[in-house]
Structure formats: C-alpha cells, structure tokens
C-alpha cells in the first residue's frame, strides 16, 4: 500500500479534530477582546446591555449571549413559549439592532 494511502485516515482524523482544538482559542480571544474593549470604553459591558434589554423581554427566559468581535454586536438569546428569540445589540452604543423571533 502506498505511504500516502496509509496517511489518509490520520489526516482525516486531524482535520475532523481541528475545529474542536481551535474553539477554546477562539473563545479566549473573544473574551480578551471584550475585556480590552470594555476597559478602554469602546464597548459597553454585557451587564449594561443586559440591564437595558432583559426588562423589555416580558415573559421570556434569558439564556445567555454571544459577542461578535468583528462587528462588536452582542446577540442575547431568550426563550418564550418554546421559541428562541435572538436580540442583536450594538456593543458600542447599546442600541437594539434587531430581533429574530417574537
């Protein structure tokens, strides 16, 4: 059997594992970005965003949030009557940009 053919299964395993290995670094860089941007005043703290948005989501359970470092947009996730609702908020101004779901 040619050496390249023997390597294919190992290469496939490495390729499949790559996203799982890269995820913690991505999460850490996202946290580091948020920390630096909040400390420098370029981004509002998530607690401030939550203080503004959660009270407007009557009857919905707050699940958590994500931050897109590229756009500085927080996406807050809620659950109401079995339906997921996402609320996008500008992390710089705190302005609600949009909502998916009801």
C-alpha atoms as a PDB file:
ATOM      1  CA  UNK A   1       0.000   0.000   0.000  1.00  0.00           C
ATOM      2  CA  UNK A   2       1.465   3.427  -0.941  1.00  0.00           C
ATOM      3  CA  UNK A   3       2.550   5.576   2.030  1.00  0.00           C
ATOM      4  CA  UNK A   4       0.126   8.362   1.088  1.00  0.00           C
ATOM      5  CA  UNK A   5      -2.844   5.988   1.257  1.00  0.00           C
ATOM      6  CA  UNK A   6      -1.769   4.923   4.757  1.00  0.00           C
ATOM      7  CA  UNK A   7      -1.735   8.577   5.864  1.00  0.00           C
ATOM      8  CA  UNK A   8      -5.269   9.428   4.666  1.00  0.00           C
ATOM      9  CA  UNK A   9      -7.107   8.109   7.773  1.00  0.00           C
ATOM     10  CA  UNK A  10      -4.758  10.016  10.083  1.00  0.00           C
ATOM     11  CA  UNK A  11      -5.174  13.201   8.058  1.00  0.00           C
ATOM     12  CA  UNK A  12      -8.959  12.824   8.168  1.00  0.00           C
ATOM     13  CA  UNK A  13      -8.856  12.467  11.946  1.00  0.00           C
ATOM     14  CA  UNK A  14      -6.698  15.572  12.307  1.00  0.00           C
ATOM     15  CA  UNK A  15      -8.989  17.569  10.033  1.00  0.00           C
ATOM     16  CA  UNK A  16     -12.081  16.489  11.973  1.00  0.00           C
ATOM     17  CA  UNK A  17     -10.470  17.412  15.296  1.00  0.00           C
ATOM     18  CA  UNK A  18      -9.208  20.824  14.171  1.00  0.00           C
ATOM     19  CA  UNK A  19     -12.385  22.836  14.941  1.00  0.00           C
ATOM     20  CA  UNK A  20     -12.611  21.337  18.435  1.00  0.00           C
ATOM     21  CA  UNK A  21      -9.000  22.209  19.111  1.00  0.00           C
ATOM     22  CA  UNK A  22      -9.377  25.752  17.722  1.00  0.00           C
ATOM     23  CA  UNK A  23     -12.584  26.581  19.609  1.00  0.00           C
ATOM     24  CA  UNK A  24     -11.030  27.343  23.010  1.00  0.00           C
ATOM     25  CA  UNK A  25      -8.537  29.743  21.444  1.00  0.00           C
ATOM     26  CA  UNK A  26     -11.402  31.480  19.630  1.00  0.00           C
ATOM     27  CA  UNK A  27     -13.410  31.747  22.851  1.00  0.00           C
ATOM     28  CA  UNK A  28     -10.389  33.053  24.711  1.00  0.00           C
ATOM     29  CA  UNK A  29      -9.667  35.662  22.059  1.00  0.00           C
ATOM     30  CA  UNK A  30     -13.333  36.716  22.162  1.00  0.00           C
ATOM     31  CA  UNK A  31     -13.144  37.142  25.940  1.00  0.00           C
ATOM     32  CA  UNK A  32      -9.853  39.004  25.693  1.00  0.00           C
ATOM     33  CA  UNK A  33     -11.296  41.294  23.018  1.00  0.00           C
ATOM     34  CA  UNK A  34     -14.376  42.009  25.145  1.00  0.00           C
ATOM     35  CA  UNK A  35     -12.267  42.704  28.226  1.00  0.00           C
ATOM     36  CA  UNK A  36      -9.904  45.087  26.415  1.00  0.00           C
ATOM     37  CA  UNK A  37     -12.706  46.858  24.555  1.00  0.00           C
ATOM     38  CA  UNK A  38     -14.769  47.277  27.744  1.00  0.00           C
ATOM     39  CA  UNK A  39     -11.780  48.562  29.731  1.00  0.00           C
ATOM     40  CA  UNK A  40     -10.939  51.099  27.025  1.00  0.00           C
ATOM     41  CA  UNK A  41     -14.554  52.313  26.793  1.00  0.00           C
ATOM     42  CA  UNK A  42     -15.032  51.121  23.212  1.00  0.00           C
ATOM     43  CA  UNK A  43     -17.594  48.501  24.217  1.00  0.00           C
ATOM     44  CA  UNK A  44     -20.329  48.539  26.839  1.00  0.00           C
ATOM     45  CA  UNK A  45     -20.112  45.815  29.485  1.00  0.00           C
ATOM     46  CA  UNK A  46     -22.518  42.908  28.991  1.00  0.00           C
ATOM     47  CA  UNK A  47     -24.125  43.713  32.354  1.00  0.00           C
ATOM     48  CA  UNK A  48     -25.134  47.133  30.985  1.00  0.00           C
ATOM     49  CA  UNK A  49     -26.525  45.565  27.797  1.00  0.00           C
ATOM     50  CA  UNK A  50     -28.468  43.009  29.860  1.00  0.00           C
ATOM     51  CA  UNK A  51     -29.801  45.762  32.161  1.00  0.00           C
ATOM     52  CA  UNK A  52     -31.245  47.533  29.125  1.00  0.00           C
ATOM     53  CA  UNK A  53     -32.611  44.570  27.161  1.00  0.00           C
ATOM     54  CA  UNK A  54     -33.829  41.915  29.612  1.00  0.00           C
ATOM     55  CA  UNK A  55     -36.637  44.055  31.104  1.00  0.00           C
ATOM     56  CA  UNK A  56     -38.059  44.602  27.608  1.00  0.00           C
ATOM     57  CA  UNK A  57     -38.448  40.846  27.012  1.00  0.00           C
ATOM     58  CA  UNK A  58     -41.601  40.233  29.059  1.00  0.00           C
ATOM     59  CA  UNK A  59     -42.371  36.553  29.594  1.00  0.00           C
ATOM     60  CA  UNK A  60     -39.082  35.396  28.085  1.00  0.00           C
ATOM     61  CA  UNK A  61     -36.324  33.490  29.862  1.00  0.00           C
ATOM     62  CA  UNK A  62     -32.832  34.877  29.311  1.00  0.00           C
ATOM     63  CA  UNK A  63     -30.474  32.128  28.156  1.00  0.00           C
ATOM     64  CA  UNK A  64     -27.190  33.950  27.526  1.00  0.00           C
ATOM     65  CA  UNK A  65     -25.251  35.920  24.934  1.00  0.00           C
ATOM     66  CA  UNK A  66     -22.555  35.840  22.280  1.00  0.00           C
ATOM     67  CA  UNK A  67     -20.288  38.652  21.147  1.00  0.00           C
ATOM     68  CA  UNK A  68     -19.108  39.037  17.570  1.00  0.00           C
ATOM     69  CA  UNK A  69     -15.729  40.784  17.876  1.00  0.00           C
ATOM     70  CA  UNK A  70     -15.743  41.718  14.191  1.00  0.00           C
ATOM     71  CA  UNK A  71     -18.926  43.788  14.390  1.00  0.00           C
ATOM     72  CA  UNK A  72     -18.990  44.434  18.168  1.00  0.00           C
ATOM     73  CA  UNK A  73     -22.563  43.096  18.233  1.00  0.00           C
ATOM     74  CA  UNK A  74     -23.901  41.256  21.260  1.00  0.00           C
ATOM     75  CA  UNK A  75     -26.563  38.653  20.479  1.00  0.00           C
ATOM     76  CA  UNK A  76     -28.749  37.942  23.502  1.00  0.00           C
ATOM     77  CA  UNK A  77     -30.698  34.693  23.448  1.00  0.00           C
ATOM     78  CA  UNK A  78     -34.142  34.257  25.037  1.00  0.00           C
ATOM     79  CA  UNK A  79     -36.766  31.516  25.201  1.00  0.00           C
ATOM     80  CA  UNK A  80     -40.507  32.214  25.215  1.00  0.00           C
ATOM     81  CA  UNK A  81     -43.242  29.600  24.729  1.00  0.00           C
ATOM     82  CA  UNK A  82     -40.719  27.141  23.301  1.00  0.00           C
ATOM     83  CA  UNK A  83     -39.464  29.609  20.707  1.00  0.00           C
ATOM     84  CA  UNK A  84     -35.935  31.004  20.648  1.00  0.00           C
ATOM     85  CA  UNK A  85     -35.582  34.771  20.282  1.00  0.00           C
ATOM     86  CA  UNK A  86     -32.310  36.490  19.384  1.00  0.00           C
ATOM     87  CA  UNK A  87     -31.811  40.185  20.064  1.00  0.00           C
ATOM     88  CA  UNK A  88     -28.855  41.889  18.376  1.00  0.00           C
ATOM     89  CA  UNK A  89     -27.419  44.877  20.239  1.00  0.00           C
ATOM     90  CA  UNK A  90     -24.668  47.264  19.170  1.00  0.00           C
ATOM     91  CA  UNK A  91     -21.978  46.791  21.810  1.00  0.00           C
ATOM     92  CA  UNK A  92     -20.721  50.339  21.393  1.00  0.00           C
ATOM     93  CA  UNK A  93     -23.984  52.248  21.769  1.00  0.00           C
ATOM     94  CA  UNK A  94     -26.323  49.720  23.394  1.00  0.00           C
ATOM     95  CA  UNK A  95     -28.873  50.264  20.601  1.00  0.00           C
ATOM     96  CA  UNK A  96     -31.035  47.269  19.702  1.00  0.00           C
ATOM     97  CA  UNK A  97     -30.330  46.478  16.060  1.00  0.00           C
ATOM     98  CA  UNK A  98     -32.924  43.796  15.502  1.00  0.00           C
ATOM     99  CA  UNK A  99     -34.754  40.796  16.818  1.00  0.00           C
ATOM    100  CA  UNK A 100     -35.416  37.354  15.400  1.00  0.00           C
ATOM    101  CA  UNK A 101     -38.495  35.583  16.736  1.00  0.00           C
ATOM    102  CA  UNK A 102     -41.463  37.033  18.570  1.00  0.00           C
END
